[in-house]
Amino acid sequence: LEFGTELLISHSPERVIPGRIFEELVQNDR
């Protein structure tokens, strides 16, 4: 597949801390 058109690819790193993952998944900037 052609990259960027037929197949989209991204990197979106997690930015959460264990113990507060669900809170930070929602509230943190991404």
Full PDB file with SEQRES, HELIX, SHEET, SSBOND, CRYST1, ORIGX, SCALE, CONECT and MASTER records, all heavy atoms in Angstrom:
SEQRES   1 A   30  LEU GLU PHE GLY THR GLU LEU LEU ILE SER HIS SER PRO          
SEQRES   2 A   30  GLU ARG VAL ILE PRO GLY ARG ILE PHE GLU GLU LEU VAL          
SEQRES   3 A   30  GLN ASN ASP ARG                                              
HELIX    1 AA1 ILE A   21  GLN A   27  1                                   7    
CRYST1    1.000    1.000    1.000  90.00  90.00  90.00 P 1           1          
ORIGX1      1.000000  0.000000  0.000000        0.00000                         
ORIGX2      0.000000  1.000000  0.000000        0.00000                         
ORIGX3      0.000000  0.000000  1.000000        0.00000                         
SCALE1      1.000000  0.000000  0.000000        0.00000                         
SCALE2      0.000000  1.000000  0.000000        0.00000                         
SCALE3      0.000000  0.000000  1.000000        0.00000                         
ATOM      1  N   LEU A   1       0.832  -1.203   0.000  1.00  0.00           N  
ATOM      2  CA  LEU A   1       0.000   0.000   0.000  1.00  0.00           C  
ATOM      3  C   LEU A   1       0.867   1.253   0.000  1.00  0.00           C  
ATOM      4  O   LEU A   1       1.971   1.265   0.540  1.00  0.00           O  
ATOM      5  CB  LEU A   1      -0.921   0.010   1.225  1.00  0.00           C  
ATOM      6  CG  LEU A   1      -1.906  -1.172   1.338  1.00  0.00           C  
ATOM      7  CD1 LEU A   1      -2.612  -1.148   2.686  1.00  0.00           C  
ATOM      8  CD2 LEU A   1      -2.919  -1.125   0.193  1.00  0.00           C  
ATOM      9  N   GLU A   2       0.345   2.323  -0.573  1.00  0.00           N  
ATOM     10  CA  GLU A   2       1.080   3.581  -0.629  1.00  0.00           C  
ATOM     11  C   GLU A   2       0.948   4.297   0.705  1.00  0.00           C  
ATOM     12  O   GLU A   2      -0.160   4.557   1.193  1.00  0.00           O  
ATOM     13  CB  GLU A   2       0.531   4.462  -1.754  1.00  0.00           C  
ATOM     14  CG  GLU A   2       1.265   5.790  -1.905  1.00  0.00           C  
ATOM     15  CD  GLU A   2       0.721   6.615  -3.045  1.00  0.00           C  
ATOM     16  OE1 GLU A   2       1.035   6.311  -4.202  1.00  0.00           O  
ATOM     17  OE2 GLU A   2      -0.066   7.555  -2.760  1.00  0.00           O  
ATOM     18  N   PHE A   3       2.107   4.634   1.293  1.00  0.00           N  
ATOM     19  CA  PHE A   3       2.114   5.287   2.590  1.00  0.00           C  
ATOM     20  C   PHE A   3       1.547   6.706   2.499  1.00  0.00           C  
ATOM     21  O   PHE A   3       1.813   7.441   1.556  1.00  0.00           O  
ATOM     22  CB  PHE A   3       3.539   5.373   3.147  1.00  0.00           C  
ATOM     23  CG  PHE A   3       4.142   4.037   3.491  1.00  0.00           C  
ATOM     24  CD1 PHE A   3       5.515   3.849   3.464  1.00  0.00           C  
ATOM     25  CD2 PHE A   3       3.340   2.972   3.855  1.00  0.00           C  
ATOM     26  CE1 PHE A   3       6.086   2.633   3.796  1.00  0.00           C  
ATOM     27  CE2 PHE A   3       3.888   1.741   4.193  1.00  0.00           C  
ATOM     28  CZ  PHE A   3       5.269   1.569   4.160  1.00  0.00           C  
ATOM     29  N   GLY A   4       0.765   7.057   3.508  1.00  0.00           N  
ATOM     30  CA  GLY A   4       0.250   8.417   3.610  1.00  0.00           C  
ATOM     31  C   GLY A   4      -1.064   8.636   2.907  1.00  0.00           C  
ATOM     32  O   GLY A   4      -1.746   9.638   3.150  1.00  0.00           O  
ATOM     33  N   THR A   5      -1.437   7.725   2.011  1.00  0.00           N  
ATOM     34  CA  THR A   5      -2.721   7.830   1.301  1.00  0.00           C  
ATOM     35  C   THR A   5      -3.525   6.540   1.471  1.00  0.00           C  
ATOM     36  O   THR A   5      -4.596   6.528   2.073  1.00  0.00           O  
ATOM     37  CB  THR A   5      -2.494   8.120  -0.195  1.00  0.00           C  
ATOM     38  OG1 THR A   5      -1.616   7.132  -0.749  1.00  0.00           O  
ATOM     39  CG2 THR A   5      -1.907   9.508  -0.391  1.00  0.00           C  
ATOM     40  N   GLU A   6      -2.994   5.431   0.951  1.00  0.00           N  
ATOM     41  CA  GLU A   6      -3.686   4.138   1.081  1.00  0.00           C  
ATOM     42  C   GLU A   6      -3.490   3.535   2.466  1.00  0.00           C  
ATOM     43  O   GLU A   6      -4.350   2.795   2.959  1.00  0.00           O  
ATOM     44  CB  GLU A   6      -3.179   3.160   0.023  1.00  0.00           C  
ATOM     45  CG  GLU A   6      -3.502   3.572  -1.403  1.00  0.00           C  
ATOM     46  CD  GLU A   6      -2.973   2.596  -2.419  1.00  0.00           C  
ATOM     47  OE1 GLU A   6      -1.903   1.999  -2.193  1.00  0.00           O  
ATOM     48  OE2 GLU A   6      -3.652   2.403  -3.454  1.00  0.00           O  
ATOM     49  N   LEU A   7      -2.352   3.820   3.086  1.00  0.00           N  
ATOM     50  CA  LEU A   7      -2.080   3.347   4.444  1.00  0.00           C  
ATOM     51  C   LEU A   7      -1.575   4.524   5.273  1.00  0.00           C  
ATOM     52  O   LEU A   7      -0.543   5.129   4.968  1.00  0.00           O  
ATOM     53  CB  LEU A   7      -1.034   2.232   4.438  1.00  0.00           C  
ATOM     54  CG  LEU A   7      -0.653   1.674   5.821  1.00  0.00           C  
ATOM     55  CD1 LEU A   7      -1.879   1.112   6.541  1.00  0.00           C  
ATOM     56  CD2 LEU A   7       0.433   0.597   5.699  1.00  0.00           C  
ATOM     57  N   LEU A   8      -2.334   4.857   6.311  1.00  0.00           N  
ATOM     58  CA  LEU A   8      -1.982   5.973   7.195  1.00  0.00           C  
ATOM     59  C   LEU A   8      -1.201   5.446   8.394  1.00  0.00           C  
ATOM     60  O   LEU A   8      -1.542   4.395   8.955  1.00  0.00           O  
ATOM     61  CB  LEU A   8      -3.248   6.692   7.657  1.00  0.00           C  
ATOM     62  CG  LEU A   8      -4.204   7.136   6.536  1.00  0.00           C  
ATOM     63  CD1 LEU A   8      -5.431   7.822   7.127  1.00  0.00           C  
ATOM     64  CD2 LEU A   8      -3.497   8.042   5.545  1.00  0.00           C  
ATOM     65  N   ILE A   9      -0.158   6.178   8.776  1.00  0.00           N  
ATOM     66  CA  ILE A   9       0.727   5.731   9.856  1.00  0.00           C  
ATOM     67  C   ILE A   9       1.032   6.906  10.773  1.00  0.00           C  
ATOM     68  O   ILE A   9       1.349   7.998  10.301  1.00  0.00           O  
ATOM     69  CB  ILE A   9       2.047   5.154   9.296  1.00  0.00           C  
ATOM     70  CG1 ILE A   9       1.764   4.034   8.285  1.00  0.00           C  
ATOM     71  CG2 ILE A   9       2.928   4.640  10.430  1.00  0.00           C  
ATOM     72  CD1 ILE A   9       3.003   3.587   7.522  1.00  0.00           C  
ATOM     73  N   SER A  10       0.962   6.663  12.072  1.00  0.00           N  
ATOM     74  CA  SER A  10       1.239   7.721  13.053  1.00  0.00           C  
ATOM     75  C   SER A  10       1.942   7.175  14.277  1.00  0.00           C  
ATOM     76  O   SER A  10       1.901   5.962  14.547  1.00  0.00           O  
ATOM     77  CB  SER A  10      -0.061   8.396  13.517  1.00  0.00           C  
ATOM     78  OG  SER A  10      -0.665   9.138  12.489  1.00  0.00           O  
ATOM     79  N   HIS A  11       2.546   8.085  14.996  1.00  0.00           N  
ATOM     80  CA  HIS A  11       3.059   7.777  16.334  1.00  0.00           C  
ATOM     81  C   HIS A  11       2.336   8.687  17.318  1.00  0.00           C  
ATOM     82  O   HIS A  11       2.312   9.909  17.153  1.00  0.00           O  
ATOM     83  CB  HIS A  11       4.568   8.040  16.417  1.00  0.00           C  
ATOM     84  CG  HIS A  11       5.144   7.819  17.788  1.00  0.00           C  
ATOM     85  ND1 HIS A  11       4.999   6.635  18.467  1.00  0.00           N  
ATOM     86  CD2 HIS A  11       5.864   8.632  18.613  1.00  0.00           C  
ATOM     87  CE1 HIS A  11       5.601   6.721  19.640  1.00  0.00           C  
ATOM     88  NE2 HIS A  11       6.132   7.924  19.755  1.00  0.00           N  
ATOM     89  N   SER A  12       1.710   8.071  18.334  1.00  0.00           N  
ATOM     90  CA  SER A  12       1.049   8.845  19.379  1.00  0.00           C  
ATOM     91  C   SER A  12       1.414   8.224  20.717  1.00  0.00           C  
ATOM     92  O   SER A  12       0.751   7.304  21.196  1.00  0.00           O  
ATOM     93  CB  SER A  12      -0.469   8.866  19.193  1.00  0.00           C  
ATOM     94  OG  SER A  12      -1.076   9.703  20.167  1.00  0.00           O  
ATOM     95  N   PRO A  13       2.503   8.673  21.315  1.00  0.00           N  
ATOM     96  CA  PRO A  13       3.013   8.024  22.529  1.00  0.00           C  
ATOM     97  C   PRO A  13       2.099   8.198  23.727  1.00  0.00           C  
ATOM     98  O   PRO A  13       1.467   9.239  23.898  1.00  0.00           O  
ATOM     99  CB  PRO A  13       4.348   8.740  22.759  1.00  0.00           C  
ATOM    100  CG  PRO A  13       4.165  10.088  22.135  1.00  0.00           C  
ATOM    101  CD  PRO A  13       3.300   9.855  20.934  1.00  0.00           C  
ATOM    102  N   GLU A  14       2.019   7.138  24.530  1.00  0.00           N  
ATOM    103  CA  GLU A  14       1.263   7.244  25.778  1.00  0.00           C  
ATOM    104  C   GLU A  14       1.991   8.235  26.683  1.00  0.00           C  
ATOM    105  O   GLU A  14       3.209   8.328  26.672  1.00  0.00           O  
ATOM    106  CB  GLU A  14       1.109   5.870  26.424  1.00  0.00           C  
ATOM    107  CG  GLU A  14       2.400   5.099  26.661  1.00  0.00           C  
ATOM    108  CD  GLU A  14       3.129   5.503  27.937  1.00  0.00           C  
ATOM    109  OE1 GLU A  14       2.520   6.225  28.759  1.00  0.00           O  
ATOM    110  OE2 GLU A  14       4.286   5.117  28.104  1.00  0.00           O  
ATOM    111  N   ARG A  15       1.221   8.958  27.513  1.00  0.00           N  
ATOM    112  CA  ARG A  15       1.802   9.962  28.415  1.00  0.00           C  
ATOM    113  C   ARG A  15       1.133   9.859  29.777  1.00  0.00           C  
ATOM    114  O   ARG A  15       0.725  10.854  30.366  1.00  0.00           O  
ATOM    115  CB  ARG A  15       1.617  11.372  27.838  1.00  0.00           C  
ATOM    116  CG  ARG A  15       2.149  11.541  26.429  1.00  0.00           C  
ATOM    117  CD  ARG A  15       1.752  12.882  25.861  1.00  0.00           C  
ATOM    118  NE  ARG A  15       2.721  13.926  26.180  1.00  0.00           N  
ATOM    119  CZ  ARG A  15       2.468  15.229  26.093  1.00  0.00           C  
ATOM    120  NH1 ARG A  15       1.261  15.640  25.741  1.00  0.00           N  
ATOM    121  NH2 ARG A  15       3.396  16.120  26.365  1.00  0.00           N  
ATOM    122  N   VAL A  16       1.013   8.621  30.263  1.00  0.00           N  
ATOM    123  CA  VAL A  16       0.276   8.387  31.502  1.00  0.00           C  
ATOM    124  C   VAL A  16       1.186   7.763  32.550  1.00  0.00           C  
ATOM    125  O   VAL A  16       2.265   7.258  32.242  1.00  0.00           O  
ATOM    126  CB  VAL A  16      -0.932   7.462  31.257  1.00  0.00           C  
ATOM    127  CG1 VAL A  16      -1.934   8.143  30.323  1.00  0.00           C  
ATOM    128  CG2 VAL A  16      -0.490   6.114  30.670  1.00  0.00           C  
ATOM    129  N   ILE A  17       0.718   7.787  33.777  1.00  0.00           N  
ATOM    130  CA  ILE A  17       1.484   7.236  34.892  1.00  0.00           C  
ATOM    131  C   ILE A  17       0.699   6.096  35.524  1.00  0.00           C  
ATOM    132  O   ILE A  17      -0.524   6.207  35.709  1.00  0.00           O  
ATOM    133  CB  ILE A  17       1.794   8.341  35.934  1.00  0.00           C  
ATOM    134  CG1 ILE A  17       2.766   7.835  36.988  1.00  0.00           C  
ATOM    135  CG2 ILE A  17       0.516   8.850  36.588  1.00  0.00           C  
ATOM    136  CD1 ILE A  17       3.302   8.933  37.881  1.00  0.00           C  
ATOM    137  N   PRO A  18       1.347   4.970  35.812  1.00  0.00           N  
ATOM    138  CA  PRO A  18       0.639   3.870  36.477  1.00  0.00           C  
ATOM    139  C   PRO A  18      -0.024   4.329  37.763  1.00  0.00           C  
ATOM    140  O   PRO A  18       0.531   5.122  38.529  1.00  0.00           O  
ATOM    141  CB  PRO A  18       1.769   2.864  36.753  1.00  0.00           C  
ATOM    142  CG  PRO A  18       2.781   3.123  35.684  1.00  0.00           C  
ATOM    143  CD  PRO A  18       2.738   4.619  35.473  1.00  0.00           C  
ATOM    144  N   GLY A  19      -1.234   3.838  37.975  1.00  0.00           N  
ATOM    145  CA  GLY A  19      -2.019   4.243  39.136  1.00  0.00           C  
ATOM    146  C   GLY A  19      -3.037   5.316  38.817  1.00  0.00           C  
ATOM    147  O   GLY A  19      -4.041   5.466  39.519  1.00  0.00           O  
ATOM    148  N   ARG A  20      -2.782   6.072  37.717  1.00  0.00           N  
ATOM    149  CA  ARG A  20      -3.714   7.134  37.308  1.00  0.00           C  
ATOM    150  C   ARG A  20      -3.940   7.089  35.790  1.00  0.00           C  
ATOM    151  O   ARG A  20      -4.188   8.109  35.158  1.00  0.00           O  
ATOM    152  CB  ARG A  20      -3.155   8.496  37.703  1.00  0.00           C  
ATOM    153  CG  ARG A  20      -3.023   8.713  39.189  1.00  0.00           C  
ATOM    154  CD  ARG A  20      -2.399  10.055  39.514  1.00  0.00           C  
ATOM    155  NE  ARG A  20      -3.103  11.159  38.882  1.00  0.00           N  
ATOM    156  CZ  ARG A  20      -2.668  12.410  38.866  1.00  0.00           C  
ATOM    157  NH1 ARG A  20      -1.513  12.708  39.439  1.00  0.00           N  
ATOM    158  NH2 ARG A  20      -3.363  13.364  38.288  1.00  0.00           N  
ATOM    159  N   ILE A  21      -3.824   5.910  35.223  1.00  0.00           N  
ATOM    160  CA  ILE A  21      -3.849   5.787  33.762  1.00  0.00           C  
ATOM    161  C   ILE A  21      -5.160   6.295  33.163  1.00  0.00           C  
ATOM    162  O   ILE A  21      -5.151   7.075  32.196  1.00  0.00           O  
ATOM    163  CB  ILE A  21      -3.584   4.333  33.328  1.00  0.00           C  
ATOM    164  CG1 ILE A  21      -2.100   4.003  33.544  1.00  0.00           C  
ATOM    165  CG2 ILE A  21      -3.958   4.121  31.857  1.00  0.00           C  
ATOM    166  CD1 ILE A  21      -1.704   2.601  33.153  1.00  0.00           C  
ATOM    167  N   PHE A  22      -6.291   5.891  33.705  1.00  0.00           N  
ATOM    168  CA  PHE A  22      -7.568   6.251  33.081  1.00  0.00           C  
ATOM    169  C   PHE A  22      -7.848   7.750  33.194  1.00  0.00           C  
ATOM    170  O   PHE A  22      -8.370   8.362  32.265  1.00  0.00           O  
ATOM    171  CB  PHE A  22      -8.708   5.421  33.684  1.00  0.00           C  
ATOM    172  CG  PHE A  22      -8.661   3.985  33.255  1.00  0.00           C  
ATOM    173  CD1 PHE A  22      -8.227   3.002  34.120  1.00  0.00           C  
ATOM    174  CD2 PHE A  22      -8.996   3.615  31.961  1.00  0.00           C  
ATOM    175  CE1 PHE A  22      -8.152   1.684  33.730  1.00  0.00           C  
ATOM    176  CE2 PHE A  22      -8.930   2.300  31.557  1.00  0.00           C  
ATOM    177  CZ  PHE A  22      -8.500   1.332  32.437  1.00  0.00           C  
ATOM    178  N   GLU A  23      -7.495   8.317  34.317  1.00  0.00           N  
ATOM    179  CA  GLU A  23      -7.649   9.768  34.483  1.00  0.00           C  
ATOM    180  C   GLU A  23      -6.790  10.517  33.463  1.00  0.00           C  
ATOM    181  O   GLU A  23      -7.241  11.463  32.806  1.00  0.00           O  
ATOM    182  CB  GLU A  23      -7.252  10.168  35.903  1.00  0.00           C  
ATOM    183  CG  GLU A  23      -7.272  11.660  36.159  1.00  0.00           C  
ATOM    184  CD  GLU A  23      -6.734  12.021  37.517  1.00  0.00           C  
ATOM    185  OE1 GLU A  23      -6.586  11.130  38.380  1.00  0.00           O  
ATOM    186  OE2 GLU A  23      -6.432  13.217  37.736  1.00  0.00           O  
ATOM    187  N   GLU A  24      -5.552  10.068  33.292  1.00  0.00           N  
ATOM    188  CA  GLU A  24      -4.630  10.790  32.428  1.00  0.00           C  
ATOM    189  C   GLU A  24      -4.856  10.488  30.947  1.00  0.00           C  
ATOM    190  O   GLU A  24      -4.562  11.331  30.099  1.00  0.00           O  
ATOM    191  CB  GLU A  24      -3.189  10.493  32.842  1.00  0.00           C  
ATOM    192  CG  GLU A  24      -2.887  10.999  34.247  1.00  0.00           C  
ATOM    193  CD  GLU A  24      -1.405  11.187  34.520  1.00  0.00           C  
ATOM    194  OE1 GLU A  24      -0.580  10.705  33.716  1.00  0.00           O  
ATOM    195  OE2 GLU A  24      -1.081  11.829  35.536  1.00  0.00           O  
ATOM    196  N   LEU A  25      -5.371   9.304  30.619  1.00  0.00           N  
ATOM    197  CA  LEU A  25      -5.733   9.028  29.228  1.00  0.00           C  
ATOM    198  C   LEU A  25      -6.748  10.055  28.726  1.00  0.00           C  
ATOM    199  O   LEU A  25      -6.696  10.483  27.570  1.00  0.00           O  
ATOM    200  CB  LEU A  25      -6.334   7.620  29.091  1.00  0.00           C  
ATOM    201  CG  LEU A  25      -5.379   6.446  28.917  1.00  0.00           C  
ATOM    202  CD1 LEU A  25      -6.159   5.137  28.914  1.00  0.00           C  
ATOM    203  CD2 LEU A  25      -4.566   6.567  27.631  1.00  0.00           C  
ATOM    204  N   VAL A  26      -7.632  10.450  29.605  1.00  0.00           N  
ATOM    205  CA  VAL A  26      -8.694  11.391  29.240  1.00  0.00           C  
ATOM    206  C   VAL A  26      -8.219  12.836  29.318  1.00  0.00           C  
ATOM    207  O   VAL A  26      -8.421  13.628  28.387  1.00  0.00           O  
ATOM    208  CB  VAL A  26      -9.929  11.184  30.143  1.00  0.00           C  
ATOM    209  CG1 VAL A  26     -10.982  12.261  29.869  1.00  0.00           C  
ATOM    210  CG2 VAL A  26     -10.518   9.804  29.940  1.00  0.00           C  
ATOM    211  N   GLN A  27      -7.569  13.204  30.409  1.00  0.00           N  
ATOM    212  CA  GLN A  27      -7.300  14.610  30.692  1.00  0.00           C  
ATOM    213  C   GLN A  27      -6.004  15.140  30.081  1.00  0.00           C  
ATOM    214  O   GLN A  27      -5.922  16.332  29.766  1.00  0.00           O  
ATOM    215  CB  GLN A  27      -7.267  14.822  32.215  1.00  0.00           C  
ATOM    216  CG  GLN A  27      -8.567  14.459  32.918  1.00  0.00           C  
ATOM    217  CD  GLN A  27      -9.749  15.317  32.475  1.00  0.00           C  
ATOM    218  OE1 GLN A  27      -9.575  16.439  31.995  1.00  0.00           O  
ATOM    219  NE2 GLN A  27     -10.953  14.792  32.630  1.00  0.00           N  
ATOM    220  N   ASN A  28      -4.995  14.300  29.919  1.00  0.00           N  
ATOM    221  CA  ASN A  28      -3.709  14.792  29.427  1.00  0.00           C  
ATOM    222  C   ASN A  28      -3.767  15.218  27.968  1.00  0.00           C  
ATOM    223  O   ASN A  28      -4.505  14.631  27.172  1.00  0.00           O  
ATOM    224  CB  ASN A  28      -2.625  13.713  29.571  1.00  0.00           C  
ATOM    225  CG  ASN A  28      -2.207  13.510  31.012  1.00  0.00           C  
ATOM    226  OD1 ASN A  28      -2.732  14.143  31.924  1.00  0.00           O  
ATOM    227  ND2 ASN A  28      -1.252  12.627  31.232  1.00  0.00           N  
ATOM    228  N   ASP A  29      -2.987  16.241  27.623  1.00  0.00           N  
ATOM    229  CA  ASP A  29      -2.788  16.560  26.206  1.00  0.00           C  
ATOM    230  C   ASP A  29      -2.130  15.369  25.523  1.00  0.00           C  
ATOM    231  O   ASP A  29      -1.426  14.582  26.154  1.00  0.00           O  
ATOM    232  CB  ASP A  29      -1.893  17.790  26.049  1.00  0.00           C  
ATOM    233  CG  ASP A  29      -2.628  19.083  26.348  1.00  0.00           C  
ATOM    234  OD1 ASP A  29      -3.754  19.020  26.888  1.00  0.00           O  
ATOM    235  OD2 ASP A  29      -2.074  20.160  26.053  1.00  0.00           O  
ATOM    236  N   ARG A  30      -2.347  15.259  24.220  1.00  0.00           N  
ATOM    237  CA  ARG A  30      -1.789  14.135  23.470  1.00  0.00           C  
ATOM    238  C   ARG A  30      -1.008  14.656  22.274  1.00  0.00           C  
ATOM    239  O   ARG A  30      -1.398  15.640  21.646  1.00  0.00           O  
ATOM    240  CB  ARG A  30      -2.905  13.201  23.006  1.00  0.00           C  
ATOM    241  CG  ARG A  30      -2.376  11.881  22.484  1.00  0.00           C  
ATOM    242  CD  ARG A  30      -3.347  10.750  22.663  1.00  0.00           C  
ATOM    243  NE  ARG A  30      -2.620   9.493  22.501  1.00  0.00           N  
ATOM    244  CZ  ARG A  30      -2.714   8.467  23.309  1.00  0.00           C  
ATOM    245  NH1 ARG A  30      -3.484   8.548  24.365  1.00  0.00           N  
ATOM    246  NH2 ARG A  30      -2.020   7.364  23.096  1.00  0.00           N  
TER     247      ARG A  30                                                      
MASTER        0    0    0    1    0    0    0    6  246    1    0    3          
END                                                                             
